[in-house]
Amino acid sequence: MYSKILMLRFPQKEVQQPIVCHLAKDFDLVFNILNARILHRREGVMVMELSGTKKHFKDGVRFLKEQGVRVQNASQEVSRNDEKCTHCGACTAVCPTGALWVRRPDMSVTFEQEKCSVCELCVTACPVRAMDVTPSNRTFSK
């Protein structure tokens, strides 16, 4: 079994197409969507874990690229610099997975990295730049 976390960027013309379903149906791949959104330019962005045999994986990625999807390895992670963080909560408003949340009653911001889908929304939302994207030490191939 081979598995990787990928970031897919769908062009505007492909956002409404069921491209990801073909990965399961035509290439016998299992996918787990970790995050998905459509940006203001109507470009789609999806972070997903894709698993299957190495041959099927390569064939599936080739299919995605033929459809105009940009495929990137998402072997990176978001980290927080606790010394910079002022616990303002701006990041919690944009976090789609609940990895960042306000702990009550002390109102401190908690970051649960294992819930993070590496969407990077918190990086741009943080006014003091306490959130950062770094290469991951995790290995995704099995």
Protein backbone atom coordinates (compact mmCIF):
# COMPACT_ATOMS: atom_id res chain seq x y z
CA MET A 1 0.00 0.00 0.00
CA TYR A 2 1.28 3.44 -0.97
CA SER A 3 -0.10 6.63 0.58
CA LYS A 4 0.63 10.36 0.29
CA ILE A 5 -1.01 13.62 1.22
CA LEU A 6 -1.44 15.79 -1.86
CA MET A 7 -2.56 19.33 -2.52
CA LEU A 8 -4.67 19.59 -5.67
CA ARG A 9 -5.46 22.87 -7.45
CA PHE A 10 -8.36 22.63 -9.87
CA PRO A 11 -8.72 25.19 -12.67
CA GLN A 12 -12.00 27.11 -12.84
CA LYS A 13 -13.37 25.00 -15.70
CA GLU A 14 -12.84 21.76 -13.74
CA VAL A 15 -14.18 22.77 -10.31
CA GLN A 16 -17.67 21.36 -10.97
CA GLN A 17 -16.43 18.04 -12.45
CA PRO A 18 -16.36 14.77 -10.43
CA ILE A 19 -12.67 14.22 -11.16
CA VAL A 20 -11.79 12.80 -7.73
CA CYS A 21 -14.49 10.12 -8.02
CA HIS A 22 -12.61 8.70 -11.01
CA LEU A 23 -9.63 8.02 -8.74
CA ALA A 24 -11.69 5.44 -6.84
CA LYS A 25 -13.69 4.12 -9.77
CA ASP A 26 -11.07 3.95 -12.52
CA PHE A 27 -7.81 3.63 -10.56
CA ASP A 28 -8.88 1.67 -7.47
CA LEU A 29 -7.54 4.36 -5.14
CA VAL A 30 -8.85 5.31 -1.72
CA PHE A 31 -9.02 9.00 -0.92
CA ASN A 32 -9.63 10.94 2.27
CA ILE A 33 -10.44 14.62 1.71
CA LEU A 34 -8.78 16.61 4.50
CA ASN A 35 -9.77 20.07 3.27
CA ALA A 36 -11.45 21.58 0.21
CA ARG A 37 -12.47 25.07 -0.82
CA ILE A 38 -13.17 27.19 -3.87
CA LEU A 39 -11.14 30.39 -3.95
CA HIS A 40 -12.44 33.79 -5.01
CA ARG A 41 -11.06 33.29 -8.54
CA ARG A 42 -13.17 30.11 -8.65
CA GLU A 43 -10.06 27.92 -8.49
CA GLY A 44 -10.58 24.82 -6.35
CA VAL A 45 -8.05 23.70 -3.76
CA MET A 46 -8.18 20.30 -2.09
CA VAL A 47 -5.88 18.57 0.38
CA MET A 48 -6.35 14.81 0.34
CA GLU A 49 -4.67 11.61 1.38
CA LEU A 50 -4.51 9.23 -1.57
CA SER A 51 -3.77 5.51 -1.10
CA GLY A 52 -3.41 2.44 -3.30
CA THR A 53 -0.78 0.45 -5.14
CA LYS A 54 2.16 2.48 -6.37
CA LYS A 55 1.22 1.83 -10.03
CA HIS A 56 -2.41 2.89 -9.50
CA PHE A 57 -1.22 5.93 -7.54
CA LYS A 58 1.05 7.05 -10.39
CA ASP A 59 -1.69 6.41 -12.97
CA GLY A 60 -4.20 8.38 -10.89
CA VAL A 61 -1.85 11.35 -10.50
CA ARG A 62 -1.17 11.28 -14.25
CA PHE A 63 -4.95 11.35 -14.85
CA LEU A 64 -5.33 14.37 -12.56
CA LYS A 65 -2.58 16.24 -14.42
CA GLU A 66 -4.20 15.40 -17.78
CA GLN A 67 -7.39 17.05 -16.48
CA GLY A 68 -5.47 20.26 -15.78
CA VAL A 69 -5.18 19.70 -12.02
CA ARG A 70 -1.93 20.91 -10.46
CA VAL A 71 -0.70 18.24 -8.04
CA GLN A 72 1.75 19.02 -5.23
CA ASN A 73 3.14 16.89 -2.45
CA ALA A 74 1.77 18.29 0.80
CA SER A 75 4.53 16.93 3.00
CA GLN A 76 4.59 20.06 5.07
CA GLU A 77 2.99 21.10 8.31
CA VAL A 78 1.87 24.23 10.06
CA SER A 79 3.64 25.12 13.27
CA ARG A 80 3.10 27.89 15.81
CA ASN A 81 5.75 30.04 17.45
CA ASP A 82 4.39 30.19 21.02
CA GLU A 83 6.63 33.13 21.87
CA LYS A 84 5.10 35.26 19.09
CA CYS A 85 1.48 34.19 19.65
CA THR A 86 -0.63 36.83 21.42
CA HIS A 87 -3.70 34.54 21.63
CA CYS A 88 -5.85 37.05 19.72
CA GLY A 89 -7.93 34.26 18.15
CA ALA A 90 -7.79 35.54 14.55
CA CYS A 91 -6.57 32.12 13.38
CA THR A 92 -9.49 30.31 15.01
CA ALA A 93 -11.98 32.18 12.84
CA VAL A 94 -10.51 30.76 9.62
CA CYS A 95 -9.46 27.25 10.72
CA PRO A 96 -11.75 24.78 8.89
CA THR A 97 -10.73 21.70 10.90
CA GLY A 98 -10.86 23.00 14.47
CA ALA A 99 -7.11 22.54 14.91
CA LEU A 100 -7.01 26.05 16.36
CA TRP A 101 -9.53 26.89 19.07
CA VAL A 102 -9.98 29.14 22.09
CA ARG A 103 -9.65 27.44 25.46
CA ARG A 104 -12.04 28.87 28.02
CA PRO A 105 -12.10 30.43 30.57
CA ASP A 106 -8.49 31.64 30.17
CA MET A 107 -9.11 32.54 26.46
CA SER A 108 -5.82 31.06 25.25
CA VAL A 109 -5.54 29.71 21.71
CA THR A 110 -4.81 25.98 21.51
CA PHE A 111 -3.24 24.40 18.43
CA GLU A 112 -3.79 20.67 17.82
CA GLN A 113 -1.40 19.94 14.97
CA GLU A 114 -2.77 16.44 14.35
CA LYS A 115 -6.10 18.02 13.26
CA CYS A 116 -4.40 20.47 10.87
CA SER A 117 -5.03 19.95 7.14
CA VAL A 118 -2.25 22.40 6.10
CA CYS A 119 -4.70 24.73 4.34
CA GLU A 120 -2.48 27.67 5.43
CA LEU A 121 -5.42 30.01 6.14
CA CYS A 122 -4.13 30.64 9.66
CA VAL A 123 -0.75 31.76 8.31
CA THR A 124 -2.26 34.72 6.48
CA ALA A 125 -4.82 35.45 9.22
CA CYS A 126 -2.26 35.75 12.03
CA PRO A 127 -1.43 39.44 12.57
CA VAL A 128 1.83 38.71 14.43
CA ARG A 129 2.93 35.93 12.04
CA ALA A 130 3.12 33.28 14.74
CA MET A 131 1.94 30.54 12.33
CA ASP A 132 4.39 29.14 9.80
CA VAL A 133 4.57 26.36 7.21
CA THR A 134 7.57 24.07 7.50
CA PRO A 135 8.64 20.82 5.81
CA SER A 136 7.14 17.83 7.57
CA ASN A 137 9.17 15.12 9.21
CA ARG A 138 6.29 12.69 8.75
CA THR A 139 6.57 9.99 6.10
CA PHE A 140 3.43 9.29 4.08
CA SER A 141 4.47 6.25 2.08
CA LYS A 142 3.75 2.87 3.60
